[in-house]
Amino acid sequence: MMENPLPERYSIHKEKDTTIIYVSARKDLLNKIPLDGTIGSPSELRGRGKIYILDGNIVVRPLVHGGMLRAFTQDRFLIVKRSIRELKVSSYLISKGIPTPEVLAVRFIRKGIFYNICVISVLVPDSIDLMTYLETTRLDSRDVIKKTGELVRDIHGCGVFHSDLHIKNILLDKDLNPWILDLDKARRLAYMPPAVKWLNIKRFFCSCKKWEKKGRIVLPSGWEACFRQGYGARD
């Protein structure tokens, strides 16, 4: 079912049709994560889709398909590879000092040929995703955009390519420092050519422009230059 090896800090618990991969030091989670059904309570946090909160400081994200597949498969997945990859990439980036919420556990429930998947991670207190911030702030957001460029530069410096790099996958903490989210589509590369880095940046730029065009966000003047300045790239 899963790729090996897992990072050493994780253990596996299997019972009936449920598999839970968890941080070994947090064995208490096994008493808090049911073998089936909802984990935690519904959250009112904005901008991150349908999530739940466990113990006030843990985020539970049930995975669902996006795009056209959502109507047919909803929360049913044939493989669990992406979630295992998220756990691995998250653990690796944290070891390199990159701000990303720690994945505490992943729960897989096998139902026939499909799996239901939940990713369980640490809650970043008083946080807001970048899209929601740009929807609501009246402050000059150029410094936040610059810091986002610095974050993406550091992620690339670790050899990680986040193919789903968009405005909703940047989380701002209470000090408006950016964190990277949802690493299930991220992967480590032995070498990342400049053209690949640029494509990743372009993906983020297209996301920003799309929501600005829809009237959902307000981007500051010169925002692309601010991002490039943070990244260290020339205009």
C-alpha atoms as a PDB file:
ATOM      1  CA  MET A   1       0.000   0.000   0.000  1.00  0.00           C
ATOM      2  CA  MET A   2       2.736   2.446   0.882  1.00  0.00           C
ATOM      3  CA  GLU A   3       6.190   3.490  -0.197  1.00  0.00           C
ATOM      4  CA  ASN A   4       9.125   2.627   2.051  1.00  0.00           C
ATOM      5  CA  PRO A   5      10.998   3.632   3.951  1.00  0.00           C
ATOM      6  CA  LEU A   6       9.117   6.084   6.120  1.00  0.00           C
ATOM      7  CA  PRO A   7      11.100   8.675   8.085  1.00  0.00           C
ATOM      8  CA  GLU A   8      12.476   7.012  11.230  1.00  0.00           C
ATOM      9  CA  ARG A   9      10.381   9.199  13.504  1.00  0.00           C
ATOM     10  CA  TYR A  10       7.120   7.607  12.305  1.00  0.00           C
ATOM     11  CA  SER A  11       5.443   4.347  13.296  1.00  0.00           C
ATOM     12  CA  ILE A  12       2.612   2.328  11.742  1.00  0.00           C
ATOM     13  CA  HIS A  13      -0.496   1.025  13.496  1.00  0.00           C
ATOM     14  CA  LYS A  14      -2.851  -1.336  11.637  1.00  0.00           C
ATOM     15  CA  GLU A  15      -6.228  -2.507  12.878  1.00  0.00           C
ATOM     16  CA  LYS A  16      -8.982  -4.034  10.760  1.00  0.00           C
ATOM     17  CA  ASP A  17      -9.209  -1.945   7.552  1.00  0.00           C
ATOM     18  CA  THR A  18      -7.514   1.114   9.059  1.00  0.00           C
ATOM     19  CA  THR A  19      -3.860   2.098   8.934  1.00  0.00           C
ATOM     20  CA  ILE A  20      -2.509   5.015  10.971  1.00  0.00           C
ATOM     21  CA  ILE A  21       0.986   6.347  10.401  1.00  0.00           C
ATOM     22  CA  TYR A  22       1.947   8.589  13.321  1.00  0.00           C
ATOM     23  CA  VAL A  23       4.857  10.355  14.972  1.00  0.00           C
ATOM     24  CA  SER A  24       6.299   7.701  17.287  1.00  0.00           C
ATOM     25  CA  ALA A  25       6.606  10.168  20.160  1.00  0.00           C
ATOM     26  CA  ARG A  26       2.854  10.875  19.911  1.00  0.00           C
ATOM     27  CA  LYS A  27       1.463   7.410  20.615  1.00  0.00           C
ATOM     28  CA  ASP A  28      -1.339   9.191  22.496  1.00  0.00           C
ATOM     29  CA  LEU A  29      -2.815  10.028  19.085  1.00  0.00           C
ATOM     30  CA  LEU A  30      -3.898   6.413  18.687  1.00  0.00           C
ATOM     31  CA  ASN A  31      -6.413   6.976  21.479  1.00  0.00           C
ATOM     32  CA  LYS A  32      -7.733  10.124  19.781  1.00  0.00           C
ATOM     33  CA  ILE A  33      -7.976   8.967  16.167  1.00  0.00           C
ATOM     34  CA  PRO A  34     -10.972   6.650  15.647  1.00  0.00           C
ATOM     35  CA  LEU A  35     -10.691   3.718  13.280  1.00  0.00           C
ATOM     36  CA  ASP A  36     -13.550   5.159  11.223  1.00  0.00           C
ATOM     37  CA  GLY A  37     -15.653   8.294  11.006  1.00  0.00           C
ATOM     38  CA  THR A  38     -14.904  11.956  11.663  1.00  0.00           C
ATOM     39  CA  ILE A  39     -11.840  13.058  13.592  1.00  0.00           C
ATOM     40  CA  GLY A  40     -12.300  16.179  15.735  1.00  0.00           C
ATOM     41  CA  SER A  41     -14.891  18.942  15.414  1.00  0.00           C
ATOM     42  CA  PRO A  42     -15.796  21.091  12.374  1.00  0.00           C
ATOM     43  CA  SER A  43     -13.701  24.243  12.091  1.00  0.00           C
ATOM     44  CA  GLU A  44     -14.741  27.741  11.092  1.00  0.00           C
ATOM     45  CA  LEU A  45     -11.284  28.623   9.811  1.00  0.00           C
ATOM     46  CA  ARG A  46     -11.542  30.282   6.411  1.00  0.00           C
ATOM     47  CA  GLY A  47      -9.808  29.549   3.158  1.00  0.00           C
ATOM     48  CA  ARG A  48      -8.598  25.991   3.724  1.00  0.00           C
ATOM     49  CA  GLY A  49     -11.611  23.968   2.642  1.00  0.00           C
ATOM     50  CA  LYS A  50     -13.361  21.507   4.939  1.00  0.00           C
ATOM     51  CA  ILE A  51     -11.168  20.858   7.957  1.00  0.00           C
ATOM     52  CA  TYR A  52     -11.639  19.736  11.546  1.00  0.00           C
ATOM     53  CA  ILE A  53      -9.904  20.607  14.811  1.00  0.00           C
ATOM     54  CA  LEU A  54      -8.729  18.038  17.353  1.00  0.00           C
ATOM     55  CA  ASP A  55      -7.740  19.044  20.890  1.00  0.00           C
ATOM     56  CA  GLY A  56      -7.718  22.707  19.881  1.00  0.00           C
ATOM     57  CA  ASN A  57      -4.266  22.572  18.277  1.00  0.00           C
ATOM     58  CA  ILE A  58      -4.419  19.834  15.648  1.00  0.00           C
ATOM     59  CA  VAL A  59      -5.789  20.218  12.103  1.00  0.00           C
ATOM     60  CA  VAL A  60      -7.527  17.267  10.435  1.00  0.00           C
ATOM     61  CA  ARG A  61      -7.849  17.498   6.651  1.00  0.00           C
ATOM     62  CA  PRO A  62     -10.028  14.851   4.972  1.00  0.00           C
ATOM     63  CA  LEU A  63      -8.799  14.532   1.411  1.00  0.00           C
ATOM     64  CA  VAL A  64     -11.193  14.963  -1.512  1.00  0.00           C
ATOM     65  CA  HIS A  65     -10.577  15.030  -5.232  1.00  0.00           C
ATOM     66  CA  GLY A  66     -10.508  18.354  -7.034  1.00  0.00           C
ATOM     67  CA  GLY A  67     -11.679  19.337 -10.475  1.00  0.00           C
ATOM     68  CA  MET A  68     -13.887  17.101 -12.567  1.00  0.00           C
ATOM     69  CA  LEU A  69     -13.134  14.005 -10.493  1.00  0.00           C
ATOM     70  CA  ARG A  70     -14.766  15.484  -7.393  1.00  0.00           C
ATOM     71  CA  ALA A  71     -18.324  14.735  -8.576  1.00  0.00           C
ATOM     72  CA  PHE A  72     -17.540  11.064  -9.210  1.00  0.00           C
ATOM     73  CA  THR A  73     -14.955   9.938  -6.679  1.00  0.00           C
ATOM     74  CA  GLN A  74     -15.325  12.587  -3.940  1.00  0.00           C
ATOM     75  CA  ASP A  75     -13.250  11.284  -1.000  1.00  0.00           C
ATOM     76  CA  ARG A  76     -12.376   7.883  -2.481  1.00  0.00           C
ATOM     77  CA  PHE A  77      -8.789   7.282  -3.603  1.00  0.00           C
ATOM     78  CA  LEU A  78      -7.291   4.271  -5.358  1.00  0.00           C
ATOM     79  CA  ILE A  79      -3.793   4.854  -3.951  1.00  0.00           C
ATOM     80  CA  VAL A  80      -2.275   6.542  -0.909  1.00  0.00           C
ATOM     81  CA  LYS A  81       1.071   7.457  -2.468  1.00  0.00           C
ATOM     82  CA  ARG A  82       0.492  11.218  -2.444  1.00  0.00           C
ATOM     83  CA  SER A  83      -0.276  11.339   1.264  1.00  0.00           C
ATOM     84  CA  ILE A  84       2.827   9.300   2.074  1.00  0.00           C
ATOM     85  CA  ARG A  85       4.818  11.727  -0.047  1.00  0.00           C
ATOM     86  CA  GLU A  86       3.317  14.675   1.845  1.00  0.00           C
ATOM     87  CA  LEU A  87       4.430  13.145   5.128  1.00  0.00           C
ATOM     88  CA  LYS A  88       7.933  12.557   3.812  1.00  0.00           C
ATOM     89  CA  VAL A  89       8.389  15.959   2.178  1.00  0.00           C
ATOM     90  CA  SER A  90       6.966  17.738   5.233  1.00  0.00           C
ATOM     91  CA  SER A  91       9.385  15.901   7.526  1.00  0.00           C
ATOM     92  CA  TYR A  92      12.297  16.711   5.204  1.00  0.00           C
ATOM     93  CA  LEU A  93      11.480  20.441   4.918  1.00  0.00           C
ATOM     94  CA  ILE A  94      11.074  20.762   8.682  1.00  0.00           C
ATOM     95  CA  SER A  95      14.517  19.173   9.119  1.00  0.00           C
ATOM     96  CA  LYS A  96      15.851  21.932   6.828  1.00  0.00           C
ATOM     97  CA  GLY A  97      14.197  24.707   8.835  1.00  0.00           C
ATOM     98  CA  ILE A  98      11.417  25.431   6.317  1.00  0.00           C
ATOM     99  CA  PRO A  99       8.179  26.570   8.006  1.00  0.00           C
ATOM    100  CA  THR A 100       5.465  24.019   7.249  1.00  0.00           C
ATOM    101  CA  PRO A 101       2.963  22.439   9.644  1.00  0.00           C
ATOM    102  CA  GLU A 102       4.253  19.153  11.038  1.00  0.00           C
ATOM    103  CA  VAL A 103       2.299  16.118   9.854  1.00  0.00           C
ATOM    104  CA  LEU A 104       1.493  14.220  13.056  1.00  0.00           C
ATOM    105  CA  ALA A 105      -0.403  11.357  11.466  1.00  0.00           C
ATOM    106  CA  VAL A 106      -2.130  10.061   8.352  1.00  0.00           C
ATOM    107  CA  ARG A 107      -5.157   7.743   8.535  1.00  0.00           C
ATOM    108  CA  PHE A 108      -6.102   5.421   5.674  1.00  0.00           C
ATOM    109  CA  ILE A 109      -9.362   3.466   5.733  1.00  0.00           C
ATOM    110  CA  ARG A 110      -9.714   0.793   3.082  1.00  0.00           C
ATOM    111  CA  LYS A 111     -13.218   0.414   1.675  1.00  0.00           C
ATOM    112  CA  GLY A 112     -13.230  -2.138  -1.105  1.00  0.00           C
ATOM    113  CA  ILE A 113     -10.723  -1.009  -3.708  1.00  0.00           C
ATOM    114  CA  PHE A 114     -10.731   2.578  -2.416  1.00  0.00           C
ATOM    115  CA  TYR A 115      -9.229   4.462   0.515  1.00  0.00           C
ATOM    116  CA  ASN A 116     -10.530   7.344   2.607  1.00  0.00           C
ATOM    117  CA  ILE A 117      -7.617   9.509   3.732  1.00  0.00           C
ATOM    118  CA  CYS A 118      -7.159  12.099   6.483  1.00  0.00           C
ATOM    119  CA  VAL A 119      -3.977  14.111   7.038  1.00  0.00           C
ATOM    120  CA  ILE A 120      -3.489  15.265  10.633  1.00  0.00           C
ATOM    121  CA  SER A 121      -1.082  18.114  11.299  1.00  0.00           C
ATOM    122  CA  VAL A 122      -0.149  20.803  13.806  1.00  0.00           C
ATOM    123  CA  LEU A 123      -2.329  23.922  13.813  1.00  0.00           C
ATOM    124  CA  VAL A 124      -0.467  27.187  13.253  1.00  0.00           C
ATOM    125  CA  PRO A 125      -2.126  29.542  15.796  1.00  0.00           C
ATOM    126  CA  ASP A 126      -3.832  32.726  14.601  1.00  0.00           C
ATOM    127  CA  SER A 127      -2.956  31.939  10.998  1.00  0.00           C
ATOM    128  CA  ILE A 128      -4.621  32.898   7.734  1.00  0.00           C
ATOM    129  CA  ASP A 129      -3.958  31.793   4.171  1.00  0.00           C
ATOM    130  CA  LEU A 130      -2.506  34.334   1.767  1.00  0.00           C
ATOM    131  CA  MET A 131      -5.641  34.562  -0.357  1.00  0.00           C
ATOM    132  CA  THR A 132      -7.861  35.378   2.615  1.00  0.00           C
ATOM    133  CA  TYR A 133      -5.277  37.894   3.828  1.00  0.00           C
ATOM    134  CA  LEU A 134      -5.255  39.690   0.472  1.00  0.00           C
ATOM    135  CA  GLU A 135      -9.059  39.639   0.443  1.00  0.00           C
ATOM    136  CA  THR A 136      -9.351  41.358   3.794  1.00  0.00           C
ATOM    137  CA  THR A 137      -6.233  43.390   4.593  1.00  0.00           C
ATOM    138  CA  ARG A 138      -6.008  47.140   4.281  1.00  0.00           C
ATOM    139  CA  LEU A 139      -2.285  47.078   4.968  1.00  0.00           C
ATOM    140  CA  ASP A 140       0.534  47.306   2.440  1.00  0.00           C
ATOM    141  CA  SER A 141       1.100  43.654   1.529  1.00  0.00           C
ATOM    142  CA  ARG A 142       4.334  44.066  -0.423  1.00  0.00           C
ATOM    143  CA  ASP A 143       6.489  42.833   2.466  1.00  0.00           C
ATOM    144  CA  VAL A 144       4.347  39.687   2.732  1.00  0.00           C
ATOM    145  CA  ILE A 145       4.780  39.060  -1.002  1.00  0.00           C
ATOM    146  CA  LYS A 146       8.532  39.536  -0.657  1.00  0.00           C
ATOM    147  CA  LYS A 147       8.672  37.062   2.237  1.00  0.00           C
ATOM    148  CA  THR A 148       6.716  34.592   0.126  1.00  0.00           C
ATOM    149  CA  GLY A 149       9.396  34.884  -2.553  1.00  0.00           C
ATOM    150  CA  GLU A 150      12.021  34.142   0.112  1.00  0.00           C
ATOM    151  CA  LEU A 151      10.066  31.057   1.223  1.00  0.00           C
ATOM    152  CA  VAL A 152       9.786  29.688  -2.322  1.00  0.00           C
ATOM    153  CA  ARG A 153      13.510  30.318  -2.863  1.00  0.00           C
ATOM    154  CA  ASP A 154      14.329  28.345   0.284  1.00  0.00           C
ATOM    155  CA  ILE A 155      12.015  25.486  -0.740  1.00  0.00           C
ATOM    156  CA  HIS A 156      13.710  25.312  -4.137  1.00  0.00           C
ATOM    157  CA  GLY A 157      17.077  25.463  -2.390  1.00  0.00           C
ATOM    158  CA  CYS A 158      16.121  22.248  -0.603  1.00  0.00           C
ATOM    159  CA  GLY A 159      15.412  20.621  -3.954  1.00  0.00           C
ATOM    160  CA  VAL A 160      11.637  20.516  -3.473  1.00  0.00           C
ATOM    161  CA  PHE A 161       9.240  21.235  -6.336  1.00  0.00           C
ATOM    162  CA  HIS A 162       5.674  22.069  -5.231  1.00  0.00           C
ATOM    163  CA  SER A 163       3.579  21.482  -8.345  1.00  0.00           C
ATOM    164  CA  ASP A 164       0.477  22.875  -6.620  1.00  0.00           C
ATOM    165  CA  LEU A 165       2.092  26.150  -5.580  1.00  0.00           C
ATOM    166  CA  HIS A 166      -0.777  28.622  -5.421  1.00  0.00           C
ATOM    167  CA  ILE A 167      -2.043  31.453  -3.279  1.00  0.00           C
ATOM    168  CA  LYS A 168      -4.164  29.248  -0.986  1.00  0.00           C
ATOM    169  CA  ASN A 169      -1.204  27.031  -0.135  1.00  0.00           C
ATOM    170  CA  ILE A 170       0.694  29.868   1.529  1.00  0.00           C
ATOM    171  CA  LEU A 171      -0.224  30.277   5.188  1.00  0.00           C
ATOM    172  CA  LEU A 172       0.632  33.386   7.205  1.00  0.00           C
ATOM    173  CA  ASP A 173       1.268  33.085  10.936  1.00  0.00           C
ATOM    174  CA  LYS A 174       0.427  35.777  13.480  1.00  0.00           C
ATOM    175  CA  ASP A 175       3.629  37.644  12.577  1.00  0.00           C
ATOM    176  CA  LEU A 176       2.745  37.443   8.850  1.00  0.00           C
ATOM    177  CA  ASN A 177       5.571  35.038   8.120  1.00  0.00           C
ATOM    178  CA  PRO A 178       4.656  32.591   5.323  1.00  0.00           C
ATOM    179  CA  TRP A 179       4.442  28.808   5.712  1.00  0.00           C
ATOM    180  CA  ILE A 180       4.001  26.263   2.913  1.00  0.00           C
ATOM    181  CA  LEU A 181       0.951  23.956   2.950  1.00  0.00           C
ATOM    182  CA  ASP A 182      -0.442  20.822   1.306  1.00  0.00           C
ATOM    183  CA  LEU A 183       2.687  19.052   0.168  1.00  0.00           C
ATOM    184  CA  ASP A 184       0.959  16.014  -1.328  1.00  0.00           C
ATOM    185  CA  LYS A 185       1.880  17.233  -4.815  1.00  0.00           C
ATOM    186  CA  ALA A 186       5.405  18.247  -3.837  1.00  0.00           C
ATOM    187  CA  ARG A 187       8.426  16.099  -4.550  1.00  0.00           C
ATOM    188  CA  ARG A 188      12.159  16.158  -4.049  1.00  0.00           C
ATOM    189  CA  LEU A 189      14.362  16.478  -7.112  1.00  0.00           C
ATOM    190  CA  ALA A 190      18.040  15.598  -7.389  1.00  0.00           C
ATOM    191  CA  TYR A 191      18.471  18.705  -9.535  1.00  0.00           C
ATOM    192  CA  MET A 192      16.069  21.539 -10.274  1.00  0.00           C
ATOM    193  CA  PRO A 193      16.966  23.449 -13.456  1.00  0.00           C
ATOM    194  CA  PRO A 194      16.290  27.211 -13.530  1.00  0.00           C
ATOM    195  CA  ALA A 195      13.510  26.630 -16.089  1.00  0.00           C
ATOM    196  CA  VAL A 196      11.697  24.322 -13.667  1.00  0.00           C
ATOM    197  CA  LYS A 197      12.038  26.866 -10.865  1.00  0.00           C
ATOM    198  CA  TRP A 198      10.582  29.528 -13.145  1.00  0.00           C
ATOM    199  CA  LEU A 199       7.635  27.302 -14.059  1.00  0.00           C
ATOM    200  CA  ASN A 200       6.914  26.859 -10.361  1.00  0.00           C
ATOM    201  CA  ILE A 201       7.040  30.621  -9.778  1.00  0.00           C
ATOM    202  CA  LYS A 202       4.840  31.176 -12.837  1.00  0.00           C
ATOM    203  CA  ARG A 203       2.287  28.781 -11.338  1.00  0.00           C
ATOM    204  CA  PHE A 204       2.103  30.995  -8.255  1.00  0.00           C
ATOM    205  CA  PHE A 205       1.877  34.186 -10.328  1.00  0.00           C
ATOM    206  CA  CYS A 206      -0.986  32.735 -12.409  1.00  0.00           C
ATOM    207  CA  SER A 207      -2.861  31.881  -9.220  1.00  0.00           C
ATOM    208  CA  CYS A 208      -2.527  35.452  -7.949  1.00  0.00           C
ATOM    209  CA  LYS A 209      -3.633  36.948 -11.271  1.00  0.00           C
ATOM    210  CA  LYS A 210      -6.620  34.605 -11.522  1.00  0.00           C
ATOM    211  CA  TRP A 211      -8.077  35.681  -8.200  1.00  0.00           C
ATOM    212  CA  GLU A 212      -7.294  39.337  -8.843  1.00  0.00           C
ATOM    213  CA  LYS A 213      -9.143  39.115 -12.177  1.00  0.00           C
ATOM    214  CA  LYS A 214     -12.133  37.616 -10.355  1.00  0.00           C
ATOM    215  CA  GLY A 215     -12.140  40.585  -7.982  1.00  0.00           C
ATOM    216  CA  ARG A 216     -11.425  38.442  -4.943  1.00  0.00           C
ATOM    217  CA  ILE A 217      -8.069  39.949  -3.953  1.00  0.00           C
ATOM    218  CA  VAL A 218      -6.169  43.203  -4.263  1.00  0.00           C
ATOM    219  CA  LEU A 219      -2.509  42.930  -5.219  1.00  0.00           C
ATOM    220  CA  PRO A 220      -0.139  45.812  -4.423  1.00  0.00           C
ATOM    221  CA  SER A 221       1.600  47.662  -7.212  1.00  0.00           C
ATOM    222  CA  GLY A 222       4.856  46.008  -8.210  1.00  0.00           C
ATOM    223  CA  TRP A 223       3.959  42.782  -6.436  1.00  0.00           C
ATOM    224  CA  GLU A 224       5.760  40.547  -8.944  1.00  0.00           C
ATOM    225  CA  ALA A 225       8.947  42.585  -8.494  1.00  0.00           C
ATOM    226  CA  CYS A 226       8.564  42.226  -4.715  1.00  0.00           C
ATOM    227  CA  PHE A 227       8.310  38.459  -5.053  1.00  0.00           C
ATOM    228  CA  ARG A 228      11.336  38.357  -7.358  1.00  0.00           C
ATOM    229  CA  GLN A 229      13.294  40.523  -4.928  1.00  0.00           C
ATOM    230  CA  GLY A 230      12.566  38.057  -2.144  1.00  0.00           C
ATOM    231  CA  TYR A 231      13.440  35.122  -4.356  1.00  0.00           C
ATOM    232  CA  GLY A 232      16.621  36.810  -5.497  1.00  0.00           C
ATOM    233  CA  ALA A 233      15.745  36.750  -9.165  1.00  0.00           C
ATOM    234  CA  ARG A 234      16.244  39.606 -11.601  1.00  0.00           C
ATOM    235  CA  ASP A 235      13.248  41.381 -13.141  1.00  0.00           C
END
